[in-house]
């Protein structure tokens, strides 16, 4: 049995198991299901409240967010790119809520979420270094973590902070 992100309950059962058996199993776990759904709802509510702090509904709001984000991120990209010996082909911005940043290794482009404006500046810098490290190491392996240790030693603390903010 799984409770998925939207609160739905998914139950897997062997082929041929009587429906009454599955229903009995669900009924036996009703309290667990109710509690899990409550936690899911609360998590979704907190997440929505977090992201709604940055209004992006109008063109003016989006343009203002983009201007502020560029002013923060571009100097960080420039400084860390030189230090790391990498150069992204392009840096662009989107209103992503599933990720703080994405590095497309093949074309060396990096995309940052507009919602990074909701993070403390040192956490924004962590995301910048993280994505630049992907230009040196595409996967999250030991080499990648060693690069993060070298170029942003507080990365574990920053990752924890960014996860707390958006969950």
N, C-alpha and C. Protein backbone atom coordinates (compact mmCIF):
# COMPACT_ATOMS: atom_id res chain seq x y z
N UNK A 1 0.84 -1.18 0.00
CA UNK A 1 0.00 0.00 0.00
C UNK A 1 0.88 1.24 0.00
N UNK A 2 0.52 2.24 -0.83
CA UNK A 2 1.24 3.51 -0.91
C UNK A 2 0.24 4.65 -0.90
N UNK A 3 0.61 5.73 -0.24
CA UNK A 3 -0.15 6.98 -0.33
C UNK A 3 0.70 7.90 -1.20
N UNK A 4 0.19 8.27 -2.36
CA UNK A 4 0.96 9.09 -3.29
C UNK A 4 0.77 10.57 -2.98
N UNK A 5 1.55 11.43 -3.68
CA UNK A 5 1.61 12.86 -3.37
C UNK A 5 0.25 13.55 -3.30
N UNK A 6 -0.68 13.17 -4.16
CA UNK A 6 -1.98 13.84 -4.14
C UNK A 6 -2.92 13.26 -3.09
N UNK A 7 -2.45 12.28 -2.30
CA UNK A 7 -3.26 11.70 -1.23
C UNK A 7 -3.99 10.43 -1.62
N UNK A 8 -3.93 10.04 -2.89
CA UNK A 8 -4.58 8.80 -3.31
C UNK A 8 -3.90 7.60 -2.67
N UNK A 9 -4.69 6.56 -2.46
CA UNK A 9 -4.18 5.32 -1.89
C UNK A 9 -4.04 4.30 -3.02
N UNK A 10 -2.85 3.74 -3.16
CA UNK A 10 -2.60 2.69 -4.16
C UNK A 10 -2.32 1.39 -3.42
N UNK A 11 -3.10 0.39 -3.73
CA UNK A 11 -2.93 -0.91 -3.10
C UNK A 11 -2.60 -1.92 -4.19
N UNK A 12 -1.52 -2.66 -3.98
CA UNK A 12 -1.15 -3.74 -4.91
C UNK A 12 -1.54 -5.07 -4.28
N UNK A 13 -2.10 -5.95 -5.10
CA UNK A 13 -2.50 -7.27 -4.59
C UNK A 13 -2.22 -8.31 -5.67
N UNK A 14 -1.94 -9.51 -5.26
CA UNK A 14 -1.70 -10.58 -6.25
C UNK A 14 -2.94 -10.82 -7.12
N UNK A 15 -2.70 -11.19 -8.35
CA UNK A 15 -3.81 -11.52 -9.25
C UNK A 15 -4.61 -12.66 -8.63
N UNK A 16 -5.90 -12.52 -8.66
CA UNK A 16 -6.76 -13.57 -8.14
C UNK A 16 -7.14 -13.39 -6.67
N UNK A 17 -6.53 -12.44 -5.99
CA UNK A 17 -6.91 -12.21 -4.59
C UNK A 17 -8.33 -11.66 -4.57
N UNK A 18 -9.16 -12.22 -3.73
CA UNK A 18 -10.56 -11.74 -3.68
C UNK A 18 -10.63 -10.25 -3.29
N UNK A 19 -11.56 -9.56 -3.90
CA UNK A 19 -11.77 -8.14 -3.63
C UNK A 19 -12.05 -7.91 -2.13
N UNK A 20 -12.76 -8.84 -1.52
CA UNK A 20 -13.09 -8.70 -0.09
C UNK A 20 -11.82 -8.71 0.77
N UNK A 21 -10.82 -9.46 0.35
CA UNK A 21 -9.53 -9.51 1.06
C UNK A 21 -8.83 -8.15 0.99
N UNK A 22 -8.84 -7.54 -0.20
CA UNK A 22 -8.22 -6.23 -0.39
C UNK A 22 -8.96 -5.19 0.44
N UNK A 23 -10.28 -5.23 0.39
CA UNK A 23 -11.08 -4.28 1.18
C UNK A 23 -10.85 -4.45 2.68
N UNK A 24 -10.70 -5.67 3.14
CA UNK A 24 -10.42 -5.93 4.56
C UNK A 24 -9.06 -5.33 4.94
N UNK A 25 -8.07 -5.51 4.06
CA UNK A 25 -6.74 -4.95 4.30
C UNK A 25 -6.82 -3.42 4.43
N UNK A 26 -7.54 -2.80 3.51
CA UNK A 26 -7.69 -1.34 3.54
C UNK A 26 -8.38 -0.91 4.83
N UNK A 27 -9.43 -1.60 5.21
CA UNK A 27 -10.16 -1.25 6.43
C UNK A 27 -9.27 -1.40 7.66
N UNK A 28 -8.45 -2.43 7.71
CA UNK A 28 -7.53 -2.64 8.84
C UNK A 28 -6.51 -1.50 8.96
N UNK A 29 -6.22 -0.86 7.85
CA UNK A 29 -5.22 0.21 7.84
C UNK A 29 -5.83 1.60 7.68
N UNK A 30 -7.12 1.72 7.94
CA UNK A 30 -7.83 2.99 7.76
C UNK A 30 -7.19 4.13 8.55
N UNK A 31 -6.80 3.88 9.81
CA UNK A 31 -6.20 4.95 10.62
C UNK A 31 -4.89 5.43 10.01
N UNK A 32 -4.08 4.48 9.56
CA UNK A 32 -2.81 4.84 8.92
C UNK A 32 -3.04 5.65 7.66
N UNK A 33 -4.03 5.26 6.88
CA UNK A 33 -4.37 5.98 5.64
C UNK A 33 -4.82 7.40 5.96
N UNK A 34 -5.69 7.53 6.95
CA UNK A 34 -6.19 8.85 7.34
C UNK A 34 -5.05 9.75 7.80
N UNK A 35 -4.16 9.23 8.61
CA UNK A 35 -3.03 10.00 9.11
C UNK A 35 -2.09 10.40 7.97
N UNK A 36 -1.81 9.48 7.07
CA UNK A 36 -0.93 9.77 5.93
C UNK A 36 -1.54 10.83 5.02
N UNK A 37 -2.83 10.75 4.79
CA UNK A 37 -3.50 11.74 3.95
C UNK A 37 -3.49 13.12 4.61
N UNK A 38 -3.64 13.14 5.93
CA UNK A 38 -3.60 14.40 6.66
C UNK A 38 -2.21 15.04 6.52
N UNK A 39 -1.16 14.23 6.67
CA UNK A 39 0.21 14.73 6.53
C UNK A 39 0.45 15.24 5.11
N UNK A 40 -0.06 14.52 4.13
CA UNK A 40 0.09 14.91 2.73
C UNK A 40 -0.58 16.27 2.49
N UNK A 41 -1.80 16.42 3.01
CA UNK A 41 -2.52 17.68 2.85
C UNK A 41 -1.76 18.83 3.50
N UNK A 42 -1.28 18.62 4.72
CA UNK A 42 -0.53 19.66 5.44
C UNK A 42 0.75 20.04 4.70
N UNK A 43 1.42 19.04 4.16
CA UNK A 43 2.64 19.28 3.40
C UNK A 43 2.34 20.09 2.14
N UNK A 44 1.29 19.74 1.42
CA UNK A 44 0.90 20.48 0.22
C UNK A 44 0.53 21.92 0.56
N UNK A 45 -0.15 22.11 1.69
CA UNK A 45 -0.55 23.44 2.12
C UNK A 45 0.68 24.30 2.44
N UNK A 46 1.64 23.73 3.21
CA UNK A 46 2.88 24.46 3.54
C UNK A 46 3.65 24.82 2.28
N UNK A 47 3.72 23.87 1.36
CA UNK A 47 4.45 24.09 0.10
C UNK A 47 3.81 25.22 -0.70
N UNK A 48 2.49 25.21 -0.80
CA UNK A 48 1.78 26.27 -1.53
C UNK A 48 2.00 27.62 -0.86
N UNK A 49 1.94 27.65 0.46
CA UNK A 49 2.17 28.91 1.19
C UNK A 49 3.58 29.43 0.92
N UNK A 50 4.56 28.53 0.89
CA UNK A 50 5.94 28.94 0.61
C UNK A 50 6.05 29.56 -0.77
N UNK A 51 5.60 28.85 -1.79
CA UNK A 51 5.76 29.34 -3.17
C UNK A 51 4.89 30.56 -3.46
N UNK A 52 3.76 30.68 -2.78
CA UNK A 52 2.88 31.83 -3.00
C UNK A 52 3.46 33.14 -2.44
N UNK A 53 4.56 33.04 -1.70
CA UNK A 53 5.22 34.25 -1.21
C UNK A 53 5.82 35.08 -2.34
N UNK A 54 6.05 34.44 -3.47
CA UNK A 54 6.62 35.14 -4.63
C UNK A 54 5.55 35.22 -5.71
N UNK A 55 4.86 36.35 -5.79
CA UNK A 55 3.82 36.47 -6.82
C UNK A 55 4.44 36.59 -8.21
N UNK A 56 3.97 35.74 -9.10
CA UNK A 56 4.44 35.76 -10.50
C UNK A 56 3.25 35.75 -11.47
N UNK A 57 2.13 36.33 -11.02
CA UNK A 57 0.91 36.25 -11.82
C UNK A 57 0.87 37.25 -13.00
N UNK A 58 1.51 38.38 -12.82
CA UNK A 58 1.48 39.38 -13.89
C UNK A 58 2.85 39.48 -14.57
N UNK A 59 2.87 40.08 -15.74
CA UNK A 59 4.12 40.27 -16.48
C UNK A 59 5.07 41.14 -15.66
N UNK A 60 4.53 42.16 -14.99
CA UNK A 60 5.36 43.06 -14.18
C UNK A 60 6.02 42.30 -13.03
N UNK A 61 5.25 41.43 -12.37
CA UNK A 61 5.79 40.64 -11.26
C UNK A 61 6.90 39.70 -11.75
N UNK A 62 6.65 39.05 -12.87
CA UNK A 62 7.63 38.12 -13.43
C UNK A 62 8.90 38.86 -13.86
N UNK A 63 8.73 40.02 -14.50
CA UNK A 63 9.89 40.82 -14.93
C UNK A 63 10.71 41.30 -13.74
N UNK A 64 10.02 41.73 -12.68
CA UNK A 64 10.71 42.19 -11.48
C UNK A 64 11.49 41.04 -10.84
N UNK A 65 10.87 39.87 -10.75
CA UNK A 65 11.54 38.69 -10.17
C UNK A 65 12.77 38.33 -11.00
N UNK A 66 12.64 38.35 -12.32
CA UNK A 66 13.75 38.01 -13.20
C UNK A 66 14.91 39.00 -13.02
N UNK A 67 14.60 40.28 -12.93
CA UNK A 67 15.63 41.30 -12.73
C UNK A 67 16.38 41.08 -11.41
N UNK A 68 15.63 40.83 -10.34
CA UNK A 68 16.25 40.61 -9.03
C UNK A 68 17.07 39.33 -9.00
N UNK A 69 16.56 38.29 -9.65
CA UNK A 69 17.27 37.00 -9.67
C UNK A 69 18.57 37.11 -10.46
N UNK A 70 18.52 37.75 -11.61
CA UNK A 70 19.74 37.94 -12.41
C UNK A 70 20.79 38.73 -11.63
N UNK A 71 20.35 39.77 -10.92
CA UNK A 71 21.28 40.60 -10.15
C UNK A 71 21.98 39.78 -9.07
N UNK A 72 21.29 38.78 -8.52
CA UNK A 72 21.89 37.90 -7.50
C UNK A 72 22.77 36.82 -8.11
N UNK A 73 22.25 36.17 -9.14
CA UNK A 73 22.89 34.95 -9.65
C UNK A 73 24.05 35.23 -10.61
N UNK A 74 23.92 36.19 -11.48
CA UNK A 74 24.96 36.40 -12.49
C UNK A 74 26.35 36.64 -11.89
N UNK A 75 26.49 37.46 -10.85
CA UNK A 75 27.83 37.61 -10.25
C UNK A 75 28.34 36.30 -9.63
N UNK A 76 27.43 35.52 -9.06
CA UNK A 76 27.83 34.23 -8.47
C UNK A 76 28.31 33.27 -9.56
N UNK A 77 27.58 33.21 -10.66
CA UNK A 77 27.96 32.33 -11.77
C UNK A 77 29.32 32.75 -12.31
N UNK A 78 29.51 34.05 -12.48
CA UNK A 78 30.78 34.55 -13.02
C UNK A 78 31.95 34.19 -12.09
N UNK A 79 31.78 34.47 -10.80
CA UNK A 79 32.86 34.22 -9.84
C UNK A 79 33.18 32.72 -9.72
N UNK A 80 32.16 31.91 -9.57
CA UNK A 80 32.40 30.47 -9.38
C UNK A 80 32.85 29.79 -10.68
N UNK A 81 32.36 30.27 -11.82
CA UNK A 81 32.80 29.70 -13.10
C UNK A 81 34.30 29.85 -13.26
N UNK A 82 34.81 31.05 -12.93
CA UNK A 82 36.26 31.29 -13.03
C UNK A 82 37.01 30.39 -12.07
N UNK A 83 36.54 30.32 -10.84
CA UNK A 83 37.19 29.50 -9.82
C UNK A 83 37.22 28.02 -10.21
N UNK A 84 36.14 27.56 -10.83
CA UNK A 84 36.00 26.14 -11.16
C UNK A 84 36.52 25.79 -12.55
N UNK A 85 36.78 26.79 -13.36
CA UNK A 85 37.26 26.53 -14.71
C UNK A 85 36.19 26.00 -15.64
N UNK A 86 34.95 26.47 -15.47
CA UNK A 86 33.84 26.05 -16.33
C UNK A 86 33.15 27.30 -16.86
N UNK A 87 32.36 27.11 -17.92
CA UNK A 87 31.60 28.23 -18.45
C UNK A 87 30.30 27.69 -19.05
N UNK A 88 29.17 28.03 -18.43
CA UNK A 88 27.90 27.61 -19.03
C UNK A 88 27.68 28.34 -20.36
N UNK A 89 27.05 27.67 -21.30
CA UNK A 89 26.79 28.30 -22.59
C UNK A 89 25.72 29.38 -22.46
N UNK A 90 24.75 29.13 -21.60
CA UNK A 90 23.67 30.08 -21.35
C UNK A 90 23.11 29.82 -19.96
N UNK A 91 22.66 30.86 -19.32
CA UNK A 91 21.97 30.76 -18.04
C UNK A 91 20.60 31.37 -18.26
N UNK A 92 19.55 30.62 -17.92
CA UNK A 92 18.20 31.14 -18.07
C UNK A 92 17.37 30.81 -16.84
N UNK A 93 16.15 31.35 -16.79
CA UNK A 93 15.34 31.29 -15.58
C UNK A 93 13.91 30.90 -15.92
N UNK A 94 13.32 30.07 -15.06
CA UNK A 94 11.92 29.66 -15.22
C UNK A 94 11.30 29.56 -13.83
N UNK A 95 10.00 29.60 -13.77
CA UNK A 95 9.29 29.45 -12.49
C UNK A 95 9.07 27.96 -12.21
N UNK A 96 10.12 27.26 -11.83
CA UNK A 96 10.04 25.83 -11.54
C UNK A 96 9.82 25.61 -10.05
N UNK A 97 8.90 24.71 -9.71
CA UNK A 97 8.72 24.39 -8.29
C UNK A 97 9.24 22.99 -7.96
N UNK A 98 9.59 22.23 -8.97
CA UNK A 98 10.08 20.88 -8.70
C UNK A 98 11.60 20.84 -8.48
N UNK A 99 12.29 21.89 -8.94
CA UNK A 99 13.76 21.94 -8.81
C UNK A 99 14.20 23.38 -8.62
N UNK A 100 15.34 23.53 -7.96
CA UNK A 100 15.93 24.86 -7.82
C UNK A 100 16.75 25.21 -9.06
N UNK A 101 17.34 24.21 -9.66
CA UNK A 101 18.15 24.44 -10.85
C UNK A 101 18.30 23.17 -11.64
N UNK A 102 18.66 23.33 -12.91
CA UNK A 102 18.88 22.19 -13.80
C UNK A 102 20.07 22.52 -14.69
N UNK A 103 20.98 21.56 -14.80
CA UNK A 103 22.11 21.71 -15.71
C UNK A 103 21.93 20.71 -16.85
N UNK A 104 21.91 21.23 -18.06
CA UNK A 104 21.84 20.38 -19.25
C UNK A 104 23.28 20.21 -19.74
N UNK A 105 23.86 19.08 -19.40
CA UNK A 105 25.29 18.84 -19.62
C UNK A 105 25.65 18.88 -21.11
N UNK A 106 24.80 18.32 -21.95
CA UNK A 106 25.13 18.25 -23.38
C UNK A 106 25.37 19.62 -24.01
N UNK A 107 24.50 20.57 -23.70
CA UNK A 107 24.70 21.91 -24.30
C UNK A 107 25.25 22.92 -23.29
N UNK A 108 25.58 22.46 -22.10
CA UNK A 108 26.19 23.28 -21.04
C UNK A 108 25.31 24.46 -20.61
N UNK A 109 24.00 24.29 -20.73
CA UNK A 109 23.10 25.36 -20.29
C UNK A 109 22.62 25.07 -18.86
N UNK A 110 22.32 26.14 -18.14
CA UNK A 110 21.85 26.01 -16.77
C UNK A 110 20.59 26.85 -16.62
N UNK A 111 19.59 26.27 -15.99
CA UNK A 111 18.34 26.96 -15.72
C UNK A 111 18.15 27.05 -14.20
N UNK A 112 17.76 28.22 -13.73
CA UNK A 112 17.49 28.41 -12.31
C UNK A 112 16.03 28.77 -12.11
N UNK A 113 15.47 28.31 -11.01
CA UNK A 113 14.09 28.60 -10.67
C UNK A 113 13.95 30.03 -10.14
N UNK A 114 12.92 30.70 -10.61
CA UNK A 114 12.64 32.05 -10.10
C UNK A 114 12.37 32.02 -8.60
N UNK A 115 11.88 30.88 -8.12
CA UNK A 115 11.55 30.76 -6.69
C UNK A 115 12.78 30.73 -5.78
N UNK A 116 13.96 30.70 -6.39
CA UNK A 116 15.17 30.80 -5.56
C UNK A 116 15.20 32.12 -4.80
N UNK A 117 14.44 33.11 -5.27
CA UNK A 117 14.36 34.39 -4.56
C UNK A 117 13.80 34.21 -3.14
N UNK A 118 13.17 33.10 -2.88
CA UNK A 118 12.60 32.84 -1.55
C UNK A 118 13.63 32.24 -0.59
N UNK A 119 14.81 31.94 -1.10
CA UNK A 119 15.86 31.32 -0.29
C UNK A 119 16.84 32.36 0.23
N UNK A 120 17.52 32.04 1.34
CA UNK A 120 18.62 32.91 1.79
C UNK A 120 19.72 32.93 0.71
N UNK A 121 20.46 34.02 0.66
CA UNK A 121 21.47 34.18 -0.40
C UNK A 121 22.51 33.07 -0.40
N UNK A 122 22.92 32.60 0.77
CA UNK A 122 23.93 31.54 0.80
C UNK A 122 23.38 30.23 0.25
N UNK A 123 22.07 30.02 0.34
CA UNK A 123 21.47 28.82 -0.25
C UNK A 123 21.36 28.96 -1.77
N UNK A 124 21.13 30.17 -2.23
CA UNK A 124 21.13 30.43 -3.67
C UNK A 124 22.52 30.13 -4.24
N UNK A 125 23.53 30.56 -3.52
CA UNK A 125 24.90 30.30 -3.97
C UNK A 125 25.19 28.80 -4.02
N UNK A 126 24.65 28.07 -3.08
CA UNK A 126 24.80 26.61 -3.07
C UNK A 126 24.23 26.00 -4.35
N UNK A 127 23.06 26.46 -4.76
CA UNK A 127 22.43 25.93 -5.98
C UNK A 127 23.28 26.29 -7.20
N UNK A 128 23.80 27.50 -7.23
CA UNK A 128 24.65 27.93 -8.35
C UNK A 128 25.87 27.01 -8.46
N UNK A 129 26.55 26.79 -7.34
CA UNK A 129 27.74 25.93 -7.35
C UNK A 129 27.35 24.50 -7.72
N UNK A 130 26.24 24.03 -7.20
CA UNK A 130 25.77 22.67 -7.51
C UNK A 130 25.61 22.49 -9.02
N UNK A 131 24.92 23.42 -9.65
CA UNK A 131 24.70 23.29 -11.10
C UNK A 131 26.00 23.45 -11.89
N UNK A 132 26.87 24.33 -11.46
CA UNK A 132 28.17 24.46 -12.14
C UNK A 132 29.01 23.20 -11.98
N UNK A 133 28.92 22.55 -10.82
CA UNK A 133 29.66 21.29 -10.62
C UNK A 133 29.22 20.22 -11.62
N UNK A 134 27.96 20.30 -12.05
CA UNK A 134 27.49 19.32 -13.04
C UNK A 134 28.19 19.50 -14.39
N UNK A 135 28.77 20.65 -14.64
CA UNK A 135 29.55 20.83 -15.87
C UNK A 135 30.87 20.05 -15.78
N UNK A 136 31.29 19.74 -14.56
CA UNK A 136 32.50 18.94 -14.34
C UNK A 136 32.18 17.47 -14.10
N UNK A 137 31.02 17.21 -13.50
CA UNK A 137 30.61 15.84 -13.19
C UNK A 137 29.08 15.76 -13.30
N UNK A 138 28.58 15.09 -14.33
CA UNK A 138 27.13 15.05 -14.55
C UNK A 138 26.30 14.36 -13.46
N UNK A 139 26.83 13.35 -12.83
CA UNK A 139 26.01 12.61 -11.86
C UNK A 139 26.32 13.04 -10.42
N UNK A 140 25.51 12.55 -9.50
CA UNK A 140 25.70 12.85 -8.07
C UNK A 140 26.52 11.74 -7.42
N UNK A 141 27.71 11.51 -7.92
CA UNK A 141 28.56 10.44 -7.40
C UNK A 141 29.59 11.02 -6.41
N UNK A 142 30.53 10.20 -5.99
CA UNK A 142 31.54 10.63 -5.01
C UNK A 142 32.37 11.80 -5.55
N UNK A 143 32.70 11.77 -6.84
CA UNK A 143 33.48 12.87 -7.43
C UNK A 143 32.69 14.19 -7.35
N UNK A 144 31.40 14.13 -7.66
CA UNK A 144 30.56 15.32 -7.58
C UNK A 144 30.56 15.87 -6.15
N UNK A 145 30.38 14.99 -5.17
CA UNK A 145 30.35 15.45 -3.77
C UNK A 145 31.70 16.02 -3.34
N UNK A 146 32.77 15.46 -3.86
CA UNK A 146 34.11 16.00 -3.56
C UNK A 146 34.25 17.41 -4.16
N UNK A 147 33.71 17.61 -5.34
CA UNK A 147 33.74 18.93 -5.96
C UNK A 147 32.91 19.93 -5.13
N UNK A 148 31.77 19.49 -4.67
CA UNK A 148 30.95 20.36 -3.81
C UNK A 148 31.70 20.69 -2.52
N UNK A 149 32.36 19.69 -1.93
CA UNK A 149 33.16 19.93 -0.72
C UNK A 149 34.24 20.99 -0.98
N UNK A 150 34.84 20.91 -2.13
CA UNK A 150 35.92 21.84 -2.49
C UNK A 150 35.40 23.26 -2.74
N UNK A 151 34.33 23.37 -3.54
CA UNK A 151 33.89 24.68 -3.99
C UNK A 151 32.79 25.34 -3.13
N UNK A 152 32.11 24.53 -2.31
CA UNK A 152 31.09 25.09 -1.41
C UNK A 152 30.98 24.17 -0.19
N UNK A 153 31.93 24.28 0.73
CA UNK A 153 32.01 23.34 1.86
C UNK A 153 30.73 23.22 2.71
N UNK A 154 29.90 24.26 2.73
CA UNK A 154 28.67 24.21 3.53
C UNK A 154 27.49 23.65 2.74
N UNK A 155 27.75 22.90 1.68
CA UNK A 155 26.68 22.45 0.80
C UNK A 155 25.65 21.57 1.50
N UNK A 156 26.08 20.72 2.41
CA UNK A 156 25.12 19.83 3.08
C UNK A 156 24.15 20.63 3.95
N UNK A 157 24.69 21.63 4.63
CA UNK A 157 23.86 22.50 5.46
C UNK A 157 22.89 23.30 4.58
N UNK A 158 23.38 23.81 3.46
CA UNK A 158 22.54 24.58 2.54
C UNK A 158 21.45 23.70 1.92
N UNK A 159 21.80 22.49 1.56
CA UNK A 159 20.82 21.57 0.98
C UNK A 159 19.71 21.29 1.98
N UNK A 160 20.10 21.08 3.23
CA UNK A 160 19.11 20.83 4.28
C UNK A 160 18.17 22.03 4.44
N UNK A 161 18.74 23.22 4.44
CA UNK A 161 17.96 24.45 4.58
C UNK A 161 16.99 24.62 3.42
N UNK A 162 17.45 24.40 2.19
CA UNK A 162 16.57 24.58 1.03
C UNK A 162 15.45 23.55 1.04
N UNK A 163 15.74 22.34 1.48
CA UNK A 163 14.68 21.32 1.56
C UNK A 163 13.65 21.66 2.63
N UNK A 164 14.11 22.20 3.75
CA UNK A 164 13.19 22.60 4.81
C UNK A 164 12.26 23.71 4.35
N UNK A 165 12.79 24.63 3.59
CA UNK A 165 12.02 25.78 3.13
C UNK A 165 10.87 25.37 2.22
N UNK A 166 11.11 24.42 1.37
CA UNK A 166 10.14 24.11 0.31
C UNK A 166 9.29 22.87 0.58
N UNK A 167 9.34 22.31 1.77
CA UNK A 167 8.53 21.11 2.03
C UNK A 167 7.38 21.38 2.93
